[in-house]
Amino acid sequence: MTAKFVLKKMSPIHCARGPTRCEKCKEYAQQTKIALLKVLTQDKGLQARPIIELEINGEKQFYPFDVIKYFDALEEAKNYANERDLTIYKTLLD
């Protein structure tokens, strides 16, 4: 399974129900963190996972991802990735 690592500014994920039906998700939606994501570019499984739109080799597609860890600051996330020899493919801060 091939993976790419992405840093993305986002609200923490709690469950699939989302902030309209889950109190904890509603609480998390008020926060913004930097997430280190492991984007699974070759995953063909039928598991329910969050997805992200990502352009790879000039082609935009939707890929499932796993959250590795949340950080309060971008530098903290970059240091964490460097310490673990993870190459950041893209940083999405908008």
N, C-alpha and C. Protein backbone atom coordinates (compact mmCIF):
# COMPACT_ATOMS: atom_id res chain seq x y z
N MET A 1 0.85 -1.18 0.00
CA MET A 1 0.00 0.00 0.00
C MET A 1 0.89 1.24 0.00
N THR A 2 0.72 2.09 -0.98
CA THR A 2 1.50 3.31 -1.09
C THR A 2 0.79 4.42 -0.32
N ALA A 3 1.60 5.26 0.34
CA ALA A 3 1.03 6.35 1.13
C ALA A 3 1.84 7.62 0.91
N LYS A 4 1.17 8.75 1.03
CA LYS A 4 1.81 10.06 1.01
C LYS A 4 1.38 10.77 2.29
N PHE A 5 2.29 11.57 2.83
CA PHE A 5 2.01 12.29 4.07
C PHE A 5 1.69 13.74 3.76
N VAL A 6 0.61 14.23 4.36
CA VAL A 6 0.11 15.58 4.10
C VAL A 6 -0.11 16.27 5.45
N LEU A 7 0.26 17.55 5.52
CA LEU A 7 -0.09 18.38 6.67
C LEU A 7 -1.28 19.24 6.26
N LYS A 8 -2.35 19.18 7.05
CA LYS A 8 -3.57 19.91 6.70
C LYS A 8 -4.14 20.59 7.93
N LYS A 9 -4.53 21.86 7.75
CA LYS A 9 -5.20 22.61 8.81
C LYS A 9 -6.67 22.20 8.79
N MET A 10 -7.14 21.65 9.92
CA MET A 10 -8.51 21.13 9.96
C MET A 10 -8.99 20.97 11.40
N SER A 11 -10.26 20.76 11.56
CA SER A 11 -10.82 20.43 12.87
C SER A 11 -10.57 18.96 13.14
N PRO A 12 -10.31 18.60 14.39
CA PRO A 12 -10.13 17.18 14.71
C PRO A 12 -11.38 16.37 14.37
N ILE A 13 -11.16 15.13 13.98
CA ILE A 13 -12.25 14.22 13.63
C ILE A 13 -12.56 13.35 14.84
N HIS A 14 -13.83 13.22 15.16
CA HIS A 14 -14.23 12.34 16.26
C HIS A 14 -14.93 11.09 15.74
N CYS A 15 -15.99 11.27 14.95
CA CYS A 15 -16.73 10.11 14.46
C CYS A 15 -17.40 10.45 13.13
N ALA A 16 -18.05 9.47 12.54
CA ALA A 16 -18.68 9.65 11.23
C ALA A 16 -20.00 10.42 11.29
N ARG A 17 -20.58 10.56 12.46
CA ARG A 17 -21.87 11.25 12.57
C ARG A 17 -21.75 12.75 12.34
N GLY A 18 -20.62 13.34 12.67
CA GLY A 18 -20.39 14.76 12.42
C GLY A 18 -21.00 15.68 13.46
N PRO A 19 -20.70 16.99 13.35
CA PRO A 19 -21.10 17.95 14.38
C PRO A 19 -22.60 18.19 14.50
N THR A 20 -23.38 17.86 13.50
CA THR A 20 -24.82 18.07 13.61
C THR A 20 -25.50 17.01 14.47
N ARG A 21 -24.87 15.84 14.60
CA ARG A 21 -25.49 14.75 15.37
C ARG A 21 -24.67 14.27 16.55
N CYS A 22 -23.47 14.82 16.75
CA CYS A 22 -22.60 14.35 17.83
C CYS A 22 -22.07 15.56 18.61
N GLU A 23 -22.27 15.56 19.92
CA GLU A 23 -21.84 16.68 20.76
C GLU A 23 -20.32 16.82 20.78
N LYS A 24 -19.60 15.71 20.83
CA LYS A 24 -18.14 15.78 20.85
C LYS A 24 -17.61 16.33 19.52
N CYS A 25 -18.21 15.91 18.40
CA CYS A 25 -17.82 16.45 17.10
C CYS A 25 -18.10 17.96 17.03
N LYS A 26 -19.22 18.38 17.62
CA LYS A 26 -19.58 19.81 17.64
C LYS A 26 -18.52 20.59 18.42
N GLU A 27 -18.07 20.04 19.53
CA GLU A 27 -17.01 20.66 20.33
C GLU A 27 -15.70 20.73 19.54
N TYR A 28 -15.34 19.64 18.87
CA TYR A 28 -14.11 19.60 18.08
C TYR A 28 -14.16 20.56 16.90
N ALA A 29 -15.35 20.78 16.33
CA ALA A 29 -15.49 21.65 15.17
C ALA A 29 -15.12 23.10 15.48
N GLN A 30 -15.10 23.46 16.77
CA GLN A 30 -14.73 24.81 17.18
C GLN A 30 -13.22 25.01 17.19
N GLN A 31 -12.46 23.92 17.10
CA GLN A 31 -11.00 23.98 17.16
C GLN A 31 -10.41 23.83 15.75
N THR A 32 -9.22 24.36 15.57
CA THR A 32 -8.47 24.14 14.34
C THR A 32 -7.07 23.71 14.73
N LYS A 33 -6.63 22.63 14.15
CA LYS A 33 -5.30 22.07 14.44
C LYS A 33 -4.60 21.78 13.12
N ILE A 34 -3.33 21.44 13.21
CA ILE A 34 -2.57 20.94 12.06
C ILE A 34 -2.56 19.42 12.20
N ALA A 35 -3.07 18.74 11.19
CA ALA A 35 -3.13 17.28 11.22
C ALA A 35 -2.08 16.70 10.29
N LEU A 36 -1.39 15.68 10.77
CA LEU A 36 -0.50 14.89 9.93
C LEU A 36 -1.33 13.73 9.41
N LEU A 37 -1.55 13.70 8.10
CA LEU A 37 -2.39 12.68 7.48
C LEU A 37 -1.55 11.70 6.69
N LYS A 38 -1.91 10.45 6.78
CA LYS A 38 -1.33 9.40 5.94
C LYS A 38 -2.38 9.11 4.86
N VAL A 39 -2.12 9.61 3.64
CA VAL A 39 -3.06 9.46 2.54
C VAL A 39 -2.74 8.15 1.82
N LEU A 40 -3.75 7.30 1.73
CA LEU A 40 -3.57 5.96 1.16
C LEU A 40 -3.88 6.01 -0.33
N THR A 41 -2.85 6.18 -1.16
CA THR A 41 -3.06 6.40 -2.59
C THR A 41 -3.36 5.14 -3.38
N GLN A 42 -3.12 3.98 -2.83
CA GLN A 42 -3.39 2.73 -3.55
C GLN A 42 -4.45 1.89 -2.86
N ASP A 43 -5.14 2.44 -1.87
CA ASP A 43 -6.12 1.68 -1.10
C ASP A 43 -7.36 1.41 -1.94
N LYS A 44 -7.69 0.17 -2.12
CA LYS A 44 -8.89 -0.21 -2.88
C LYS A 44 -9.90 -0.91 -1.99
N GLY A 45 -9.69 -0.85 -0.68
CA GLY A 45 -10.58 -1.53 0.26
C GLY A 45 -11.95 -0.88 0.34
N LEU A 46 -12.87 -1.58 0.95
CA LEU A 46 -14.24 -1.10 1.07
C LEU A 46 -14.55 -0.63 2.48
N GLN A 47 -13.53 -0.16 3.18
CA GLN A 47 -13.73 0.35 4.53
C GLN A 47 -14.22 1.79 4.48
N ALA A 48 -15.06 2.14 5.44
CA ALA A 48 -15.52 3.53 5.55
C ALA A 48 -14.40 4.35 6.19
N ARG A 49 -13.91 5.35 5.46
CA ARG A 49 -12.83 6.21 5.95
C ARG A 49 -13.08 7.63 5.49
N PRO A 50 -12.50 8.60 6.20
CA PRO A 50 -12.57 9.97 5.69
C PRO A 50 -11.74 10.06 4.41
N ILE A 51 -12.12 10.99 3.53
CA ILE A 51 -11.40 11.14 2.27
C ILE A 51 -10.92 12.57 2.10
N ILE A 52 -9.92 12.72 1.23
CA ILE A 52 -9.36 14.03 0.92
C ILE A 52 -9.15 14.09 -0.59
N GLU A 53 -9.42 15.27 -1.18
CA GLU A 53 -9.12 15.47 -2.59
C GLU A 53 -7.67 15.94 -2.68
N LEU A 54 -6.90 15.23 -3.50
CA LEU A 54 -5.48 15.52 -3.62
C LEU A 54 -5.05 15.39 -5.07
N GLU A 55 -4.20 16.30 -5.52
CA GLU A 55 -3.68 16.23 -6.88
C GLU A 55 -2.33 15.51 -6.85
N ILE A 56 -2.26 14.40 -7.57
CA ILE A 56 -1.03 13.63 -7.69
C ILE A 56 -0.77 13.41 -9.17
N ASN A 57 0.42 13.77 -9.63
CA ASN A 57 0.80 13.67 -11.04
C ASN A 57 -0.19 14.41 -11.95
N GLY A 58 -0.64 15.58 -11.50
CA GLY A 58 -1.53 16.41 -12.29
C GLY A 58 -2.97 15.95 -12.33
N GLU A 59 -3.31 14.93 -11.58
CA GLU A 59 -4.67 14.39 -11.60
C GLU A 59 -5.30 14.48 -10.20
N LYS A 60 -6.45 15.18 -10.11
CA LYS A 60 -7.15 15.29 -8.83
C LYS A 60 -8.03 14.07 -8.62
N GLN A 61 -7.90 13.47 -7.44
CA GLN A 61 -8.72 12.33 -7.08
C GLN A 61 -9.02 12.39 -5.59
N PHE A 62 -9.95 11.57 -5.16
CA PHE A 62 -10.27 11.45 -3.75
C PHE A 62 -9.59 10.21 -3.20
N TYR A 63 -8.93 10.38 -2.05
CA TYR A 63 -8.20 9.28 -1.43
C TYR A 63 -8.59 9.17 0.04
N PRO A 64 -8.65 7.94 0.57
CA PRO A 64 -8.88 7.78 2.01
C PRO A 64 -7.63 8.16 2.78
N PHE A 65 -7.81 8.56 4.04
CA PHE A 65 -6.66 8.91 4.86
C PHE A 65 -6.86 8.48 6.30
N ASP A 66 -5.75 8.37 7.00
CA ASP A 66 -5.72 8.14 8.44
C ASP A 66 -5.04 9.34 9.07
N VAL A 67 -5.53 9.78 10.21
CA VAL A 67 -4.89 10.86 10.96
C VAL A 67 -3.81 10.22 11.83
N ILE A 68 -2.57 10.66 11.65
CA ILE A 68 -1.46 10.17 12.47
C ILE A 68 -1.46 10.89 13.81
N LYS A 69 -1.54 12.24 13.75
CA LYS A 69 -1.48 13.03 14.98
C LYS A 69 -1.92 14.47 14.68
N TYR A 70 -2.45 15.14 15.71
CA TYR A 70 -2.81 16.56 15.62
C TYR A 70 -1.78 17.40 16.36
N PHE A 71 -1.53 18.62 15.84
CA PHE A 71 -0.55 19.53 16.42
C PHE A 71 -1.16 20.92 16.52
N ASP A 72 -0.64 21.72 17.46
CA ASP A 72 -1.09 23.10 17.61
C ASP A 72 -0.37 24.05 16.65
N ALA A 73 0.84 23.68 16.23
CA ALA A 73 1.65 24.57 15.37
C ALA A 73 2.26 23.78 14.21
N LEU A 74 2.43 24.47 13.08
CA LEU A 74 3.00 23.85 11.89
C LEU A 74 4.42 23.36 12.12
N GLU A 75 5.24 24.17 12.80
CA GLU A 75 6.63 23.78 13.06
C GLU A 75 6.71 22.50 13.89
N GLU A 76 5.81 22.38 14.85
CA GLU A 76 5.75 21.18 15.69
C GLU A 76 5.46 19.95 14.82
N ALA A 77 4.54 20.09 13.87
CA ALA A 77 4.20 18.99 12.97
C ALA A 77 5.37 18.63 12.06
N LYS A 78 6.04 19.65 11.53
CA LYS A 78 7.20 19.40 10.65
C LYS A 78 8.32 18.71 11.41
N ASN A 79 8.58 19.14 12.63
CA ASN A 79 9.61 18.50 13.45
C ASN A 79 9.28 17.04 13.72
N TYR A 80 8.02 16.76 14.03
CA TYR A 80 7.57 15.39 14.29
C TYR A 80 7.82 14.51 13.05
N ALA A 81 7.46 15.04 11.88
CA ALA A 81 7.65 14.28 10.63
C ALA A 81 9.13 14.06 10.35
N ASN A 82 9.95 15.10 10.54
CA ASN A 82 11.39 14.97 10.30
C ASN A 82 12.04 13.95 11.23
N GLU A 83 11.63 13.94 12.49
CA GLU A 83 12.19 12.99 13.45
C GLU A 83 11.88 11.54 13.07
N ARG A 84 10.81 11.33 12.32
CA ARG A 84 10.39 9.99 11.93
C ARG A 84 10.66 9.69 10.46
N ASP A 85 11.45 10.56 9.82
CA ASP A 85 11.82 10.39 8.40
C ASP A 85 10.61 10.28 7.48
N LEU A 86 9.57 11.06 7.76
CA LEU A 86 8.39 11.09 6.91
C LEU A 86 8.52 12.27 5.95
N THR A 87 8.39 12.02 4.67
CA THR A 87 8.47 13.07 3.66
C THR A 87 7.08 13.67 3.47
N ILE A 88 6.97 14.97 3.68
CA ILE A 88 5.68 15.65 3.52
C ILE A 88 5.47 15.94 2.04
N TYR A 89 4.42 15.37 1.48
CA TYR A 89 4.10 15.55 0.07
C TYR A 89 3.50 16.93 -0.19
N LYS A 90 2.62 17.38 0.71
CA LYS A 90 1.94 18.65 0.51
C LYS A 90 1.51 19.22 1.86
N THR A 91 1.46 20.56 1.94
CA THR A 91 0.96 21.25 3.13
C THR A 91 -0.25 22.09 2.70
N LEU A 92 -1.40 21.82 3.32
CA LEU A 92 -2.65 22.50 2.99
C LEU A 92 -3.11 23.31 4.20
N LEU A 93 -2.94 24.63 4.12
CA LEU A 93 -3.26 25.48 5.26
C LEU A 93 -4.46 26.38 5.03
N ASP A 94 -5.18 26.22 3.96
CA ASP A 94 -6.34 27.08 3.71
C ASP A 94 -7.64 26.43 4.08
